[in-house]
N, C-alpha and C. Protein backbone atom coordinates (compact mmCIF):
# COMPACT_ATOMS: atom_id res chain seq x y z
N MET A 1 7.14 35.35 33.58
CA MET A 1 6.96 34.58 32.97
C MET A 1 6.37 34.10 33.34
N THR A 2 5.56 33.65 31.56
CA THR A 2 4.18 32.48 32.04
C THR A 2 4.02 31.35 31.48
N ARG A 3 5.02 31.22 30.32
CA ARG A 3 5.00 30.59 29.60
C ARG A 3 6.09 29.45 28.63
N VAL A 4 6.44 28.45 28.78
CA VAL A 4 7.95 27.71 28.74
C VAL A 4 7.38 27.49 26.89
N GLY A 5 7.49 27.34 26.14
CA GLY A 5 7.12 26.97 24.00
C GLY A 5 8.24 26.44 24.14
N VAL A 6 8.40 24.77 23.70
CA VAL A 6 9.33 23.82 23.99
C VAL A 6 9.61 23.95 22.04
N ALA A 7 10.32 23.55 21.31
CA ALA A 7 10.04 23.17 20.04
C ALA A 7 10.54 22.01 20.07
N SER A 8 9.71 21.44 19.40
CA SER A 8 9.84 19.96 19.38
C SER A 8 10.14 19.62 17.83
N THR A 9 9.55 18.34 17.22
CA THR A 9 9.94 18.05 15.52
C THR A 9 8.30 17.35 15.19
N ILE A 10 8.00 17.41 14.02
CA ILE A 10 7.18 16.59 13.21
C ILE A 10 7.99 14.73 13.15
N GLY A 11 9.48 15.38 13.04
CA GLY A 11 10.49 14.55 13.03
C GLY A 11 10.16 13.05 14.41
N VAL A 12 8.99 12.85 15.23
CA VAL A 12 8.78 12.41 16.81
C VAL A 12 8.32 11.85 16.23
N TYR A 13 7.12 11.71 14.80
CA TYR A 13 5.63 10.60 14.25
C TYR A 13 6.82 9.73 13.21
N ALA A 14 8.14 10.22 13.08
CA ALA A 14 8.83 9.32 12.06
C ALA A 14 8.57 7.59 12.26
N GLY A 15 8.03 6.89 11.77
CA GLY A 15 8.18 4.85 12.17
C GLY A 15 6.55 4.87 12.53
N LEU A 16 5.49 5.70 12.64
CA LEU A 16 4.61 5.24 12.35
C LEU A 16 4.23 4.63 11.06
N ALA A 17 3.51 3.30 11.11
CA ALA A 17 3.20 2.84 10.19
C ALA A 17 2.24 3.65 9.45
N GLU A 18 0.04 4.06 9.75
CA GLU A 18 -0.24 4.09 9.16
C GLU A 18 0.29 5.58 9.25
N THR A 19 -1.10 6.18 7.39
CA THR A 19 -0.94 7.67 7.12
C THR A 19 -1.72 7.68 7.01
N GLY A 20 -2.66 9.42 7.10
CA GLY A 20 -3.66 10.22 7.36
C GLY A 20 -2.48 11.43 8.35
N PRO A 21 -3.34 11.63 9.85
CA PRO A 21 -3.21 12.56 10.42
C PRO A 21 -2.35 12.09 11.52
N ARG A 22 -1.55 13.07 12.29
CA ARG A 22 -0.97 12.59 13.01
C ARG A 22 -1.61 12.67 15.29
N ARG A 23 -1.89 12.26 15.66
CA ARG A 23 -2.62 13.44 16.38
C ARG A 23 -1.82 13.07 17.56
N GLU A 24 -1.27 14.58 18.21
CA GLU A 24 -0.59 14.41 19.80
C GLU A 24 -0.61 13.51 20.64
N ASP A 25 -1.79 12.66 20.43
CA ASP A 25 -1.76 11.69 21.26
C ASP A 25 -1.72 10.18 21.34
N VAL A 26 -1.08 9.92 20.00
CA VAL A 26 -0.85 8.65 18.91
C VAL A 26 0.43 8.14 20.54
N LEU A 27 0.95 6.50 20.49
CA LEU A 27 1.84 6.35 20.75
C LEU A 27 3.03 6.23 20.20
N LEU A 28 4.17 7.20 20.49
CA LEU A 28 5.38 6.80 19.68
C LEU A 28 5.98 6.04 18.87
N PRO A 29 7.29 5.76 18.15
CA PRO A 29 7.84 4.44 18.45
C PRO A 29 9.25 4.72 19.31
N MET A 30 9.86 3.84 20.39
CA MET A 30 11.01 4.52 21.35
C MET A 30 12.62 4.62 19.72
N THR A 31 12.16 4.56 19.04
CA THR A 31 13.28 4.00 18.17
C THR A 31 13.43 6.12 17.17
N SER A 32 13.95 6.71 16.97
CA SER A 32 14.33 7.67 15.45
C SER A 32 15.34 7.32 15.24
N ILE A 33 14.82 8.45 13.52
CA ILE A 33 15.66 7.29 12.48
C ILE A 33 16.87 8.56 12.76
N HIS A 34 16.72 9.44 13.44
CA HIS A 34 17.61 9.94 12.33
C HIS A 34 18.32 11.53 14.68
N VAL A 35 19.12 11.69 15.18
CA VAL A 35 19.45 12.24 15.98
C VAL A 35 18.21 13.37 16.21
N ILE A 36 17.76 14.30 15.08
CA ILE A 36 16.68 15.57 15.94
C ILE A 36 15.37 14.91 16.39
N PRO A 37 15.15 14.19 15.78
CA PRO A 37 13.38 13.00 16.96
C PRO A 37 13.65 12.33 17.76
N ALA A 38 15.14 12.21 17.63
CA ALA A 38 16.25 11.26 19.45
C ALA A 38 16.09 12.27 20.28
N PHE A 39 16.27 13.42 20.09
CA PHE A 39 16.75 14.65 21.35
C PHE A 39 15.40 15.21 21.68
N LYS A 40 14.36 15.47 20.50
CA LYS A 40 13.61 15.93 20.21
C LYS A 40 12.49 15.00 21.73
N LYS A 41 13.11 13.99 21.71
CA LYS A 41 11.52 12.69 22.14
C LYS A 41 11.98 12.92 23.84
N VAL A 42 12.97 13.49 23.75
CA VAL A 42 13.63 12.92 25.49
C VAL A 42 13.46 14.75 25.80
N GLY A 43 13.23 15.43 25.42
CA GLY A 43 12.80 17.10 25.50
C GLY A 43 10.99 17.17 25.85
N GLU A 44 10.77 16.14 24.96
CA GLU A 44 9.16 16.20 26.11
C GLU A 44 9.15 15.64 27.06
N LEU A 45 10.02 14.55 27.18
CA LEU A 45 10.18 13.84 28.74
C LEU A 45 11.10 14.90 29.68
N LEU A 46 11.82 16.31 29.39
CA LEU A 46 11.23 16.36 30.26
C LEU A 46 10.95 17.35 31.03
N SER A 47 10.41 18.33 29.54
CA SER A 47 9.82 18.78 29.52
C SER A 47 8.59 19.52 30.78
N ASP A 48 7.80 17.74 30.39
CA ASP A 48 6.92 17.58 31.01
C ASP A 48 6.77 17.31 32.11
N HIS A 49 8.15 16.60 32.66
CA HIS A 49 8.43 16.13 33.86
C HIS A 49 9.05 17.47 35.24
N LEU A 50 9.29 18.21 34.17
CA LEU A 50 9.17 19.36 34.73
C LEU A 50 8.47 20.84 34.65
N ALA A 51 7.34 20.38 34.13
CA ALA A 51 6.82 21.15 34.49
C ALA A 51 5.43 21.17 35.56
N GLY A 52 5.53 19.68 35.78
CA GLY A 52 4.83 18.68 37.35
C GLY A 52 5.42 19.07 38.47
N ALA A 53 7.18 18.98 38.68
CA ALA A 53 8.35 18.86 39.33
C ALA A 53 8.35 20.42 39.80
N ALA A 54 8.26 21.51 39.18
CA ALA A 54 8.93 23.23 39.54
C ALA A 54 7.06 23.90 39.55
N GLY A 55 6.21 23.23 38.50
CA GLY A 55 5.19 24.89 38.52
C GLY A 55 5.05 24.80 37.92
N ILE A 56 5.94 24.45 36.42
CA ILE A 56 5.78 25.91 34.70
C ILE A 56 5.09 25.55 34.03
N ASP A 57 4.73 26.84 33.24
CA ASP A 57 3.91 26.42 32.41
C ASP A 57 4.37 25.90 31.19
N ILE A 58 5.49 24.64 31.10
CA ILE A 58 6.25 24.94 30.13
C ILE A 58 5.55 23.78 29.09
N VAL A 59 5.41 24.15 27.58
CA VAL A 59 4.61 23.77 26.15
C VAL A 59 5.42 23.15 25.50
N ASN A 60 4.89 21.83 24.49
CA ASN A 60 5.53 21.60 23.46
C ASN A 60 5.17 22.03 21.74
N TYR A 61 5.42 22.42 20.90
CA TYR A 61 5.31 22.57 19.94
C TYR A 61 6.23 21.02 18.58
N ARG A 62 4.68 19.98 18.35
CA ARG A 62 5.76 19.65 17.15
C ARG A 62 5.54 20.53 16.24
N ILE A 63 6.68 20.38 15.78
CA ILE A 63 6.49 22.23 14.27
C ILE A 63 6.30 20.83 13.18
N ALA A 64 6.01 21.47 11.79
CA ALA A 64 6.02 21.02 10.71
C ALA A 64 7.35 21.62 9.85
N ALA A 65 7.35 20.53 8.84
CA ALA A 65 8.76 21.45 8.21
C ALA A 65 8.30 22.64 7.82
N ILE A 66 8.92 23.19 7.87
CA ILE A 66 8.91 25.14 7.56
C ILE A 66 9.47 25.90 6.62
N TRP A 67 9.19 26.40 5.71
CA TRP A 67 9.88 27.21 4.79
C TRP A 67 9.65 28.87 4.31
N GLY A 68 10.13 28.96 3.71
CA GLY A 68 9.29 30.87 3.20
C GLY A 68 10.37 31.83 3.79
N PRO A 69 11.34 33.31 4.22
CA PRO A 69 11.77 33.41 4.06
C PRO A 69 12.64 33.39 5.24
N ARG A 70 13.69 33.35 5.08
CA ARG A 70 14.85 32.70 6.52
C ARG A 70 15.36 32.03 6.24
N GLY A 71 14.14 30.32 5.61
CA GLY A 71 14.84 29.64 5.01
C GLY A 71 15.94 28.85 5.20
N PRO A 72 16.53 27.59 5.61
CA PRO A 72 17.24 27.32 4.66
C PRO A 72 17.23 27.08 2.66
N VAL A 73 18.41 27.97 2.91
CA VAL A 73 18.31 27.63 0.91
C VAL A 73 18.31 26.11 0.57
N ALA A 74 18.67 24.91 1.33
CA ALA A 74 19.40 23.02 0.76
C ALA A 74 18.66 23.18 2.23
N SER A 75 17.22 21.86 2.25
CA SER A 75 16.80 20.80 3.54
C SER A 75 17.16 19.55 3.18
N PRO A 76 17.53 18.88 4.34
CA PRO A 76 17.94 17.01 4.15
C PRO A 76 16.51 16.96 3.89
N PHE A 77 15.52 17.20 5.01
CA PHE A 77 14.84 17.08 4.83
C PHE A 77 13.08 16.01 3.59
N PHE A 78 12.84 17.91 2.64
CA PHE A 78 11.86 18.45 2.24
C PHE A 78 12.78 19.01 1.37
N ALA A 79 11.71 19.16 -0.44
CA ALA A 79 12.99 19.02 -1.80
C ALA A 79 12.76 20.88 -1.28
N ALA A 80 10.65 21.71 -1.34
CA ALA A 80 10.21 22.93 -1.71
C ALA A 80 11.62 24.06 -1.02
N PRO A 81 12.08 23.72 -0.33
CA PRO A 81 13.02 25.05 -0.51
C PRO A 81 14.00 24.57 -1.87
N GLN A 82 15.09 24.54 -1.34
CA GLN A 82 15.78 23.84 -3.28
C GLN A 82 14.51 24.06 -4.46
N LEU A 83 13.43 23.92 -4.63
CA LEU A 83 12.91 24.36 -5.77
C LEU A 83 11.83 25.62 -6.17
N ILE A 84 12.04 26.25 -4.74
CA ILE A 84 11.46 27.48 -4.58
C ILE A 84 13.06 28.97 -5.46
N HIS A 85 14.32 28.22 -4.28
CA HIS A 85 15.31 29.24 -5.28
C HIS A 85 16.07 28.91 -5.80
N ALA A 86 15.65 27.27 -7.17
CA ALA A 86 16.22 27.86 -7.64
C ALA A 86 15.08 28.15 -9.07
N ALA A 87 13.82 27.98 -8.31
CA ALA A 87 13.04 28.87 -9.59
C ALA A 87 13.27 30.50 -10.03
N ALA A 88 13.06 31.12 -8.83
CA ALA A 88 13.57 32.02 -7.72
C ALA A 88 14.91 33.27 -8.68
N ARG A 89 15.66 31.72 -9.14
CA ARG A 89 16.66 32.76 -9.51
C ARG A 89 16.94 31.59 -11.16
N GLY A 90 16.39 31.04 -11.47
CA GLY A 90 16.03 30.59 -12.93
C GLY A 90 17.99 29.97 -13.17
N THR A 91 17.58 29.03 -12.32
CA THR A 91 18.14 27.69 -12.46
C THR A 91 18.26 26.20 -11.91
N VAL A 92 18.42 25.26 -12.00
CA VAL A 92 18.43 23.96 -11.61
C VAL A 92 18.80 24.15 -10.53
N PRO A 93 17.37 22.81 -10.27
CA PRO A 93 17.24 22.65 -8.28
C PRO A 93 18.32 21.72 -8.08
N ASP A 94 18.88 22.04 -7.14
CA ASP A 94 19.98 21.16 -6.57
C ASP A 94 19.41 19.70 -5.41
N PHE A 95 19.29 18.69 -5.86
CA PHE A 95 19.27 17.60 -5.09
C PHE A 95 19.80 16.61 -3.92
N THR A 96 20.71 17.92 -3.41
CA THR A 96 22.14 16.57 -3.21
C THR A 96 22.38 16.36 -1.70
N ALA A 97 21.13 17.26 -0.98
CA ALA A 97 21.48 17.18 0.22
C ALA A 97 20.70 17.08 0.84
N LEU A 98 19.09 16.08 -0.25
CA LEU A 98 17.81 15.10 0.57
C LEU A 98 19.18 13.37 0.29
N PRO A 99 18.54 12.95 0.68
CA PRO A 99 18.78 11.55 0.44
C PRO A 99 18.59 10.23 -0.19
N SER A 100 17.77 10.67 -0.63
CA SER A 100 17.28 10.07 -2.09
C SER A 100 16.74 10.14 -2.44
N THR A 101 16.22 9.89 -3.88
CA THR A 101 15.05 10.68 -4.87
C THR A 101 14.27 11.04 -5.09
N VAL A 102 14.30 12.43 -5.30
CA VAL A 102 12.55 13.45 -4.97
C VAL A 102 11.80 13.13 -5.83
N TYR A 103 10.73 12.38 -5.35
CA TYR A 103 9.67 12.62 -6.48
C TYR A 103 8.78 13.25 -6.46
N ALA A 104 7.92 13.38 -7.22
CA ALA A 104 6.42 14.13 -7.67
C ALA A 104 6.18 14.30 -6.45
N GLU A 105 6.09 12.63 -6.03
CA GLU A 105 4.43 12.36 -5.31
C GLU A 105 4.60 12.39 -4.01
N ASP A 106 5.87 13.24 -3.54
CA ASP A 106 6.13 13.23 -2.54
C ASP A 106 5.67 13.97 -1.76
N SER A 107 5.75 13.82 -0.08
CA SER A 107 4.70 14.83 0.67
C SER A 107 4.93 15.18 1.90
N ILE A 108 5.06 16.21 2.68
CA ILE A 108 4.58 16.62 4.02
C ILE A 108 3.91 17.17 5.02
N ASP A 109 3.48 17.17 5.96
CA ASP A 109 2.88 18.52 6.15
C ASP A 109 4.06 19.34 6.28
N MET A 110 3.69 20.79 5.62
CA MET A 110 4.68 22.26 5.32
C MET A 110 4.47 22.99 5.43
N CYS A 111 4.12 23.47 6.67
CA CYS A 111 3.45 25.05 7.20
C CYS A 111 4.49 26.35 6.69
N TYR A 112 3.89 27.72 6.55
CA TYR A 112 4.85 28.80 5.73
C TYR A 112 5.05 29.45 7.66
N VAL A 113 6.11 30.06 6.61
CA VAL A 113 7.26 30.46 8.52
C VAL A 113 6.08 31.40 8.11
N LYS A 114 5.86 32.74 8.32
CA LYS A 114 4.46 33.47 8.81
C LYS A 114 3.09 32.75 9.05
N ASP A 115 2.98 31.23 8.95
CA ASP A 115 1.99 30.46 9.90
C ASP A 115 2.76 30.35 10.18
N CYS A 116 3.17 29.67 10.25
CA CYS A 116 4.54 29.04 12.32
C CYS A 116 4.53 30.07 12.94
N GLY A 117 4.98 31.16 13.11
CA GLY A 117 4.73 32.43 13.67
C GLY A 117 3.27 32.90 14.04
N ARG A 118 3.25 32.53 13.61
CA ARG A 118 1.34 33.32 14.36
C ARG A 118 0.92 32.31 15.10
N ALA A 119 0.56 30.16 14.75
CA ALA A 119 0.66 29.99 15.94
C ALA A 119 1.26 29.90 16.73
N ILE A 120 2.18 29.80 16.70
CA ILE A 120 3.35 29.76 17.88
C ILE A 120 2.62 30.82 18.76
N ALA A 121 2.64 32.35 18.51
CA ALA A 121 1.97 33.40 18.68
C ALA A 121 0.64 33.01 19.39
N ALA A 122 0.54 32.45 18.82
CA ALA A 122 -1.32 32.22 19.81
C ALA A 122 -1.17 31.88 20.71
N LEU A 123 -0.10 29.77 21.01
CA LEU A 123 -0.16 29.26 21.58
C LEU A 123 0.29 30.31 23.41
N GLN A 124 1.56 30.64 22.68
CA GLN A 124 2.19 31.50 23.94
C GLN A 124 1.44 32.35 24.45
N LEU A 125 0.54 33.57 24.10
CA LEU A 125 -0.32 34.39 24.83
C LEU A 125 -1.80 33.63 24.85
N ALA A 126 -2.06 32.06 24.70
CA ALA A 126 -3.48 32.17 24.98
C ALA A 126 -3.83 32.29 26.45
N ASP A 127 -4.62 32.53 27.21
CA ASP A 127 -4.78 32.82 28.52
C ASP A 127 -4.72 31.42 29.45
N ARG A 128 -5.19 30.57 27.86
CA ARG A 128 -5.21 29.03 29.81
C ARG A 128 -4.94 28.02 28.00
N LEU A 129 -4.39 26.56 28.11
CA LEU A 129 -4.46 26.18 27.41
C LEU A 129 -4.35 24.21 28.17
N ASN A 130 -5.10 23.92 27.56
CA ASN A 130 -5.84 22.68 27.62
C ASN A 130 -4.82 21.59 27.73
N HIS A 131 -3.58 21.83 27.14
CA HIS A 131 -2.68 20.34 26.92
C HIS A 131 -1.02 20.74 26.78
N ARG A 132 -0.26 19.81 27.13
CA ARG A 132 1.19 20.03 27.59
C ARG A 132 1.88 20.01 25.54
N THR A 133 0.77 20.01 24.71
CA THR A 133 2.27 19.19 23.26
C THR A 133 0.71 20.05 22.50
N TYR A 134 1.06 20.55 21.69
CA TYR A 134 0.50 20.77 20.04
C TYR A 134 1.51 20.48 18.92
N ASN A 135 0.84 20.77 17.99
CA ASN A 135 1.31 20.05 16.87
C ASN A 135 0.30 21.95 16.39
N VAL A 136 2.21 21.60 15.53
CA VAL A 136 2.19 23.04 14.91
C VAL A 136 2.77 23.30 13.44
N ALA A 137 1.60 23.16 12.78
CA ALA A 137 1.18 23.37 11.20
C ALA A 137 0.42 24.26 10.74
N SER A 138 0.06 23.54 9.15
CA SER A 138 -0.33 23.70 8.28
C SER A 138 -1.32 22.55 7.78
N GLY A 139 -1.24 21.74 9.44
CA GLY A 139 -2.85 20.43 8.69
C GLY A 139 -3.07 19.28 7.51
N ARG A 140 -2.66 19.14 6.58
CA ARG A 140 -2.24 18.93 5.47
C ARG A 140 -1.17 18.67 4.76
N ALA A 141 -1.20 17.55 3.78
CA ALA A 141 0.35 17.44 3.08
C ALA A 141 0.40 17.96 2.34
N THR A 142 1.53 18.06 1.33
CA THR A 142 1.30 19.06 0.64
C THR A 142 3.30 18.57 -0.16
N THR A 143 2.76 18.00 -1.42
CA THR A 143 3.34 16.94 -2.47
C THR A 143 4.24 18.05 -2.62
N ASN A 144 5.61 17.64 -3.65
CA ASN A 144 5.85 17.82 -4.94
C ASN A 144 5.55 19.15 -5.87
N ALA A 145 4.72 18.03 -6.71
CA ALA A 145 3.64 17.73 -7.50
C ALA A 145 3.09 19.43 -7.63
N GLU A 146 2.54 19.46 -6.10
CA GLU A 146 1.05 21.10 -5.75
C GLU A 146 2.24 22.47 -5.38
N ILE A 147 3.66 21.21 -5.23
CA ILE A 147 4.70 22.91 -4.83
C ILE A 147 5.45 23.68 -6.04
N VAL A 148 5.79 23.00 -7.55
CA VAL A 148 6.45 22.50 -8.39
C VAL A 148 4.36 23.72 -9.54
N ALA A 149 3.15 23.26 -9.64
CA ALA A 149 2.17 24.12 -10.18
C ALA A 149 1.87 24.80 -9.75
N GLY A 150 2.43 25.66 -8.14
CA GLY A 150 3.00 26.68 -7.63
C GLY A 150 3.74 27.66 -8.22
N ILE A 151 4.29 26.59 -8.69
CA ILE A 151 5.93 27.74 -8.99
C ILE A 151 5.48 28.20 -10.89
N ARG A 152 5.11 27.74 -11.40
CA ARG A 152 4.85 27.23 -12.97
C ARG A 152 3.38 28.32 -13.13
N LYS A 153 3.02 28.63 -11.97
CA LYS A 153 1.79 29.86 -12.18
C LYS A 153 3.14 31.11 -12.12
N ILE A 154 3.58 31.35 -11.30
CA ILE A 154 4.70 32.09 -12.21
C ILE A 154 5.46 32.56 -11.98
N VAL A 155 6.54 31.33 -12.41
CA VAL A 155 8.49 31.01 -13.32
C VAL A 155 7.34 30.08 -14.39
N PRO A 156 6.63 30.35 -15.32
CA PRO A 156 6.00 29.43 -16.00
C PRO A 156 7.57 28.03 -16.69
N ASP A 157 8.38 28.92 -16.92
CA ASP A 157 9.81 27.64 -17.39
C ASP A 157 10.75 27.72 -15.95
N ALA A 158 10.29 27.48 -15.26
CA ALA A 158 10.92 27.56 -14.38
C ALA A 158 11.32 25.72 -14.83
N GLN A 159 12.41 25.62 -13.85
CA GLN A 159 13.29 24.25 -14.69
C GLN A 159 13.12 23.50 -13.06
N ALA A 160 11.53 22.55 -12.89
CA ALA A 160 11.16 22.05 -12.30
C ALA A 160 10.34 20.43 -12.62
N GLU A 161 11.06 20.26 -13.24
CA GLU A 161 10.56 19.02 -13.44
C GLU A 161 10.88 17.65 -12.12
N LEU A 162 9.71 16.84 -12.16
CA LEU A 162 9.72 16.20 -11.49
C LEU A 162 10.13 14.34 -11.64
N PRO A 163 10.64 13.09 -11.24
CA PRO A 163 10.16 12.14 -11.86
C PRO A 163 8.61 11.62 -10.91
N THR A 164 8.34 10.35 -11.48
CA THR A 164 6.83 10.59 -11.00
C THR A 164 7.35 8.58 -10.09
N GLY A 165 6.11 8.39 -10.10
CA GLY A 165 6.31 6.68 -9.38
C GLY A 165 7.10 6.41 -7.68
N GLY A 166 7.03 7.54 -7.22
CA GLY A 166 7.37 7.55 -5.66
C GLY A 166 6.34 7.35 -5.06
N PRO A 167 6.80 7.08 -4.18
CA PRO A 167 5.67 6.28 -2.39
C PRO A 167 4.33 7.69 -2.67
N ASP A 168 2.95 7.21 -2.71
CA ASP A 168 2.19 7.73 -2.42
C ASP A 168 1.88 7.47 -0.86
N GLN A 169 2.34 8.24 0.07
CA GLN A 169 1.81 7.80 1.77
C GLN A 169 1.74 8.90 2.53
N ARG A 170 0.46 9.63 2.19
CA ARG A 170 0.51 10.97 2.66
C ARG A 170 0.22 11.32 3.76
N SER A 171 1.47 11.72 5.32
CA SER A 171 0.33 11.77 6.22
C SER A 171 0.58 13.02 6.54
N TYR A 172 -0.20 13.65 7.65
CA TYR A 172 -0.06 15.02 8.29
C TYR A 172 -0.25 15.39 9.64
N LEU A 173 0.10 16.42 9.81
CA LEU A 173 -0.30 16.77 11.17
C LEU A 173 -1.76 16.97 11.20
N ASP A 174 -2.56 16.63 12.36
CA ASP A 174 -3.52 16.82 12.99
C ASP A 174 -3.70 18.34 14.42
N ILE A 175 -4.18 18.73 14.11
CA ILE A 175 -4.01 20.59 14.30
C ILE A 175 -5.48 21.10 15.83
N GLU A 176 -6.25 20.02 15.35
CA GLU A 176 -7.31 20.70 15.66
C GLU A 176 -6.82 20.55 17.64
N ARG A 177 -5.77 20.99 17.95
CA ARG A 177 -6.25 20.80 19.32
C ARG A 177 -5.47 22.26 19.61
N LEU A 178 -4.73 22.62 17.98
CA LEU A 178 -4.39 24.08 17.92
C LEU A 178 -5.58 25.32 17.83
N ARG A 179 -6.16 24.65 16.77
CA ARG A 179 -7.38 25.67 17.07
C ARG A 179 -8.50 25.44 17.54
N GLN A 180 -8.18 24.71 18.24
CA GLN A 180 -10.09 24.04 19.24
C GLN A 180 -8.96 25.86 20.02
N ASP A 181 -8.33 25.38 20.84
CA ASP A 181 -7.21 26.06 22.14
C ASP A 181 -7.30 27.46 21.87
N THR A 182 -6.94 28.78 20.42
CA THR A 182 -6.43 29.39 19.53
C THR A 182 -6.96 30.39 18.60
N ASP A 183 -7.71 29.63 17.85
CA ASP A 183 -8.27 30.38 16.49
C ASP A 183 -7.81 29.77 16.08
N TYR A 184 -7.06 29.28 15.44
CA TYR A 184 -6.04 29.36 14.40
C TYR A 184 -5.88 29.24 12.89
N ARG A 185 -6.37 29.93 12.28
CA ARG A 185 -5.90 29.27 11.28
C ARG A 185 -4.59 29.37 10.72
N PRO A 186 -4.79 28.46 9.47
CA PRO A 186 -3.60 28.99 8.24
C PRO A 186 -3.98 30.42 6.95
N ALA A 187 -3.44 31.19 7.01
CA ALA A 187 -2.87 32.02 6.38
C ALA A 187 -2.96 31.54 4.64
N TYR A 188 -1.81 30.67 5.02
CA TYR A 188 -1.18 30.33 3.67
C TYR A 188 -1.91 29.26 3.20
N ASP A 189 -1.85 29.66 1.85
CA ASP A 189 -2.36 27.60 0.86
C ASP A 189 -0.98 27.75 0.27
N THR A 190 -0.49 26.46 -0.43
CA THR A 190 0.71 26.32 -1.18
C THR A 190 0.46 27.60 -2.28
N GLU A 191 0.03 27.73 -3.19
CA GLU A 191 0.18 28.70 -3.76
C GLU A 191 0.36 30.48 -3.77
N ARG A 192 -0.32 30.59 -2.39
CA ARG A 192 -0.05 32.02 -1.67
C ARG A 192 1.45 31.84 -1.09
N ALA A 193 1.80 30.80 -0.62
CA ALA A 193 3.24 30.84 0.56
C ALA A 193 4.11 30.34 -0.60
N VAL A 194 4.09 30.46 -2.53
CA VAL A 194 5.12 30.01 -3.26
C VAL A 194 5.27 31.04 -4.36
N ALA A 195 4.00 32.48 -3.80
CA ALA A 195 4.00 33.17 -4.54
C ALA A 195 5.00 34.33 -3.47
N ASP A 196 4.74 33.60 -2.81
CA ASP A 196 5.86 35.13 -1.16
C ASP A 196 6.81 34.71 -1.35
N TYR A 197 6.61 33.23 -0.87
CA TYR A 197 8.24 32.78 -0.74
C TYR A 197 9.06 33.71 -2.38
N ILE A 198 8.62 33.40 -3.41
CA ILE A 198 9.66 34.15 -4.32
C ILE A 198 10.05 35.78 -4.61
N ALA A 199 8.76 36.56 -4.41
CA ALA A 199 8.66 37.48 -4.41
C ALA A 199 10.51 38.39 -3.30
N TRP A 200 9.59 37.86 -2.26
CA TRP A 200 11.12 37.66 -1.47
C TRP A 200 11.96 37.50 -1.65
N LEU A 201 12.82 36.53 -2.43
CA LEU A 201 14.61 35.96 -2.94
C LEU A 201 14.07 37.33 -4.02
N ARG A 202 12.70 37.44 -4.83
CA ARG A 202 13.82 38.71 -5.62
C ARG A 202 14.07 39.14 -5.63
N ALA A 203 13.46 40.07 -4.28
CA ALA A 203 13.55 41.39 -4.11
C ALA A 203 14.98 41.55 -3.21
N GLY A 204 16.02 40.31 -3.54
CA GLY A 204 17.44 40.76 -3.54
C GLY A 204 17.61 40.38 -2.23
N ASN A 205 16.48 39.37 -1.37
CA ASN A 205 16.66 38.81 -0.49
C ASN A 205 17.13 37.37 -0.21
N GLU A 206 18.66 37.03 0.40
CA GLU A 206 19.97 35.19 -0.23
C GLU A 206 18.99 34.53 0.31
N ARG A 207 18.18 34.28 1.68
CA ARG A 207 17.56 33.92 1.39
C ARG A 207 16.47 33.52 2.04
């Protein structure tokens, strides 16, 4: 064993007031709005301590909102899975798993699952890493409106109308560390990811 990768989450950045890029060296809030980022923050501290105390190469991966094949049918954090599954099946998207109204302007850093896998593999296999924490992400904020636009290119009559007027507060994970240490570049833009995901579901896969 040469390196242990520990999955953290985009949620550790929740509570930061500024929009724009979230860099790994930003000071994080001590509080958390959900149990997952609360435990992930604790996990990052433990990983950092164990790396030094035991001499183990332990790296934290702050993973964005991942979507694509084998993912959940309904996410409580972002609307893309519900929109894609509904489009592939010709149904109305069910957003009851989400805690608030879904708007076209809602955005999050969404990383397609195939890009996520490539990024983590690159980090695990790199000869040398210069940091103990990396964002694993697309490096951009994707809105629900962009997802709907991608869907309509594949399924023109998809029932994917969303209200407008939501907060347009775009933040995303900065992936410069990841690029510098692994040469990683996302291969799937929104349109390609939507097409790939819908094709996967239409091939008979449940999720």
